[in-house]
Amino acid sequence: MFVDEQGVDAAADRDGRDGDALHLVALRDEALIGTCRVIVEDSIGRLGRMAVEPELRGHGVGAAILDEAERASASAGAQTMRLHAQLAARSLYERAGYAPVGDVFLEEGIEHITMEKPLA
């Protein structure tokens, strides 16, 4: 889903961390419509690989995935959530209470900004 749409090199998407991660999916009528993964380390939940089917963006799917990722991360001991937000999706994370940390940077040729949210 994500690799194809974003034009990201599939090799760059394989970081060997999938086995350490919690993978969340959103389904509608048994069809995958959204996903993310979370890795919890040192009281930080690191959210990544967030994707929602394009035609369903803006309908609450991403917000629901974020809510579940935060709940699961807190249950696993995370006190903070951290993510690299594409600038085009920044407002989704801001509405969910995330704040930017640092400057804009390029990741796989796409502008991102690190964002964080306290969970406690």
C-alpha atoms as a PDB file:
ATOM      1  CA  MET A   1       0.000   0.000   0.000  1.00  0.00           C
ATOM      2  CA  PHE A   2       2.440   2.644   1.250  1.00  0.00           C
ATOM      3  CA  VAL A   3       5.543   1.767  -0.750  1.00  0.00           C
ATOM      4  CA  ASP A   4       3.739   1.869  -4.083  1.00  0.00           C
ATOM      5  CA  GLU A   5       1.809   5.083  -3.488  1.00  0.00           C
ATOM      6  CA  GLN A   6       4.719   7.028  -2.030  1.00  0.00           C
ATOM      7  CA  GLY A   7       7.294   5.786  -4.511  1.00  0.00           C
ATOM      8  CA  VAL A   8       9.532   4.635  -1.659  1.00  0.00           C
ATOM      9  CA  ASP A   9      12.200   2.049  -2.398  1.00  0.00           C
ATOM     10  CA  ALA A  10      10.934  -1.266  -1.012  1.00  0.00           C
ATOM     11  CA  ALA A  11      14.442  -2.100   0.230  1.00  0.00           C
ATOM     12  CA  ALA A  12      14.469   1.077   2.349  1.00  0.00           C
ATOM     13  CA  ASP A  13      11.172   0.010   3.896  1.00  0.00           C
ATOM     14  CA  ARG A  14      12.718  -3.235   5.162  1.00  0.00           C
ATOM     15  CA  ASP A  15      14.613  -2.299   8.289  1.00  0.00           C
ATOM     16  CA  GLY A  16      14.470  -5.652  10.064  1.00  0.00           C
ATOM     17  CA  ARG A  17      12.297  -4.263  12.884  1.00  0.00           C
ATOM     18  CA  ASP A  18       8.930  -5.754  11.898  1.00  0.00           C
ATOM     19  CA  GLY A  19       9.431  -8.653  14.298  1.00  0.00           C
ATOM     20  CA  ASP A  20       9.871  -6.193  17.186  1.00  0.00           C
ATOM     21  CA  ALA A  21       6.802  -4.162  16.272  1.00  0.00           C
ATOM     22  CA  LEU A  22       3.132  -4.147  17.066  1.00  0.00           C
ATOM     23  CA  HIS A  23       1.253  -4.010  13.755  1.00  0.00           C
ATOM     24  CA  LEU A  24      -2.187  -2.420  13.747  1.00  0.00           C
ATOM     25  CA  VAL A  25      -4.670  -2.616  10.909  1.00  0.00           C
ATOM     26  CA  ALA A  26      -8.039  -1.066  10.149  1.00  0.00           C
ATOM     27  CA  LEU A  27     -10.502  -3.253   8.293  1.00  0.00           C
ATOM     28  CA  ARG A  28     -13.769  -2.544   6.534  1.00  0.00           C
ATOM     29  CA  ASP A  29     -15.756  -5.545   5.352  1.00  0.00           C
ATOM     30  CA  GLU A  30     -12.594  -7.636   5.807  1.00  0.00           C
ATOM     31  CA  ALA A  31     -10.617  -5.350   3.465  1.00  0.00           C
ATOM     32  CA  LEU A  32      -7.456  -3.642   4.727  1.00  0.00           C
ATOM     33  CA  ILE A  33      -8.019   0.121   4.713  1.00  0.00           C
ATOM     34  CA  GLY A  34      -5.275   1.380   7.025  1.00  0.00           C
ATOM     35  CA  THR A  35      -2.212   0.299   8.948  1.00  0.00           C
ATOM     36  CA  CYS A  36       0.685   1.353  11.135  1.00  0.00           C
ATOM     37  CA  ARG A  37       3.366  -0.191  13.268  1.00  0.00           C
ATOM     38  CA  VAL A  38       4.654   0.752  16.702  1.00  0.00           C
ATOM     39  CA  ILE A  39       7.946  -0.123  18.336  1.00  0.00           C
ATOM     40  CA  VAL A  40       8.190   0.644  22.060  1.00  0.00           C
ATOM     41  CA  GLU A  41      11.706   1.272  23.405  1.00  0.00           C
ATOM     42  CA  ASP A  42      12.913   3.214  26.433  1.00  0.00           C
ATOM     43  CA  SER A  43       9.395   4.492  27.282  1.00  0.00           C
ATOM     44  CA  ILE A  44       8.915   5.853  23.745  1.00  0.00           C
ATOM     45  CA  GLY A  45       6.383   4.468  21.306  1.00  0.00           C
ATOM     46  CA  ARG A  46       7.720   5.011  17.786  1.00  0.00           C
ATOM     47  CA  LEU A  47       4.897   5.086  15.277  1.00  0.00           C
ATOM     48  CA  GLY A  48       5.707   4.400  11.658  1.00  0.00           C
ATOM     49  CA  ARG A  49       4.436   2.957   8.413  1.00  0.00           C
ATOM     50  CA  MET A  50       1.122   4.788   8.857  1.00  0.00           C
ATOM     51  CA  ALA A  51      -1.053   4.512   5.775  1.00  0.00           C
ATOM     52  CA  VAL A  52      -4.747   4.861   4.950  1.00  0.00           C
ATOM     53  CA  GLU A  53      -6.373   4.112   1.618  1.00  0.00           C
ATOM     54  CA  PRO A  54      -6.483   7.426  -0.286  1.00  0.00           C
ATOM     55  CA  GLU A  55     -10.244   7.491  -0.794  1.00  0.00           C
ATOM     56  CA  LEU A  56     -10.830   7.046   2.955  1.00  0.00           C
ATOM     57  CA  ARG A  57      -8.521   9.799   4.195  1.00  0.00           C
ATOM     58  CA  GLY A  58     -10.338  12.490   6.115  1.00  0.00           C
ATOM     59  CA  HIS A  59     -12.978  10.055   7.382  1.00  0.00           C
ATOM     60  CA  GLY A  60     -11.474   9.247  10.797  1.00  0.00           C
ATOM     61  CA  VAL A  61      -9.592   6.069   9.891  1.00  0.00           C
ATOM     62  CA  GLY A  62      -6.173   7.581  10.603  1.00  0.00           C
ATOM     63  CA  ALA A  63      -7.382   9.121  13.870  1.00  0.00           C
ATOM     64  CA  ALA A  64      -8.774   5.750  14.991  1.00  0.00           C
ATOM     65  CA  ILE A  65      -5.489   4.018  14.157  1.00  0.00           C
ATOM     66  CA  LEU A  66      -3.574   6.688  16.112  1.00  0.00           C
ATOM     67  CA  ASP A  67      -5.862   6.271  19.129  1.00  0.00           C
ATOM     68  CA  GLU A  68      -5.305   2.518  19.172  1.00  0.00           C
ATOM     69  CA  ALA A  69      -1.543   2.897  18.647  1.00  0.00           C
ATOM     70  CA  GLU A  70      -1.360   5.281  21.602  1.00  0.00           C
ATOM     71  CA  ARG A  71      -3.426   2.978  23.824  1.00  0.00           C
ATOM     72  CA  ALA A  72      -1.312  -0.053  22.921  1.00  0.00           C
ATOM     73  CA  SER A  73       1.922   1.878  23.410  1.00  0.00           C
ATOM     74  CA  ALA A  74       0.873   3.136  26.826  1.00  0.00           C
ATOM     75  CA  SER A  75      -0.073  -0.430  27.796  1.00  0.00           C
ATOM     76  CA  ALA A  76       3.433  -1.510  26.773  1.00  0.00           C
ATOM     77  CA  GLY A  77       5.030   1.146  28.985  1.00  0.00           C
ATOM     78  CA  ALA A  78       5.447   4.085  26.610  1.00  0.00           C
ATOM     79  CA  GLN A  79       5.141   7.543  28.111  1.00  0.00           C
ATOM     80  CA  THR A  80       5.651   9.410  24.831  1.00  0.00           C
ATOM     81  CA  MET A  81       4.698   8.765  21.209  1.00  0.00           C
ATOM     82  CA  ARG A  82       7.121   9.891  18.507  1.00  0.00           C
ATOM     83  CA  LEU A  83       6.730   9.824  14.728  1.00  0.00           C
ATOM     84  CA  HIS A  84       8.084  11.261  11.511  1.00  0.00           C
ATOM     85  CA  ALA A  85       5.120  13.011   9.888  1.00  0.00           C
ATOM     86  CA  GLN A  86       5.026  13.767   6.206  1.00  0.00           C
ATOM     87  CA  LEU A  87       4.305  17.481   5.935  1.00  0.00           C
ATOM     88  CA  ALA A  88       1.158  16.720   3.947  1.00  0.00           C
ATOM     89  CA  ALA A  89      -0.199  14.738   6.935  1.00  0.00           C
ATOM     90  CA  ARG A  90       1.019  17.054   9.681  1.00  0.00           C
ATOM     91  CA  SER A  91      -2.449  18.419  10.458  1.00  0.00           C
ATOM     92  CA  LEU A  92      -3.762  14.914  11.252  1.00  0.00           C
ATOM     93  CA  TYR A  93      -1.146  14.548  13.962  1.00  0.00           C
ATOM     94  CA  GLU A  94      -1.586  18.109  15.258  1.00  0.00           C
ATOM     95  CA  ARG A  95      -5.338  17.488  15.681  1.00  0.00           C
ATOM     96  CA  ALA A  96      -4.430  14.397  17.716  1.00  0.00           C
ATOM     97  CA  GLY A  97      -2.231  16.458  20.067  1.00  0.00           C
ATOM     98  CA  TYR A  98       1.207  15.952  18.522  1.00  0.00           C
ATOM     99  CA  ALA A  99       3.695  18.835  18.511  1.00  0.00           C
ATOM    100  CA  PRO A 100       6.612  19.337  16.114  1.00  0.00           C
ATOM    101  CA  VAL A 101      10.131  18.754  17.411  1.00  0.00           C
ATOM    102  CA  GLY A 102      13.043  20.074  15.374  1.00  0.00           C
ATOM    103  CA  ASP A 103      13.270  21.045  11.746  1.00  0.00           C
ATOM    104  CA  VAL A 104      11.865  19.653   8.514  1.00  0.00           C
ATOM    105  CA  PHE A 105      14.039  16.937   6.962  1.00  0.00           C
ATOM    106  CA  LEU A 106      13.997  14.664   3.941  1.00  0.00           C
ATOM    107  CA  GLU A 107      13.279  10.969   4.374  1.00  0.00           C
ATOM    108  CA  GLU A 108      13.169   8.933   1.162  1.00  0.00           C
ATOM    109  CA  GLY A 109      12.872  12.210  -0.755  1.00  0.00           C
ATOM    110  CA  ILE A 110       9.728  13.297   1.148  1.00  0.00           C
ATOM    111  CA  GLU A 111       9.635  16.230   3.584  1.00  0.00           C
ATOM    112  CA  HIS A 112       8.973  15.136   7.175  1.00  0.00           C
ATOM    113  CA  ILE A 113       9.005  16.584  10.645  1.00  0.00           C
ATOM    114  CA  THR A 114       9.448  14.727  13.945  1.00  0.00           C
ATOM    115  CA  MET A 115       6.384  15.054  16.178  1.00  0.00           C
ATOM    116  CA  GLU A 116       5.765  13.927  19.756  1.00  0.00           C
ATOM    117  CA  LYS A 117       2.895  13.530  22.170  1.00  0.00           C
ATOM    118  CA  PRO A 118       2.990  12.716  25.878  1.00  0.00           C
ATOM    119  CA  LEU A 119       0.828   9.730  26.762  1.00  0.00           C
ATOM    120  CA  ALA A 120       0.562  10.318  30.513  1.00  0.00           C
END
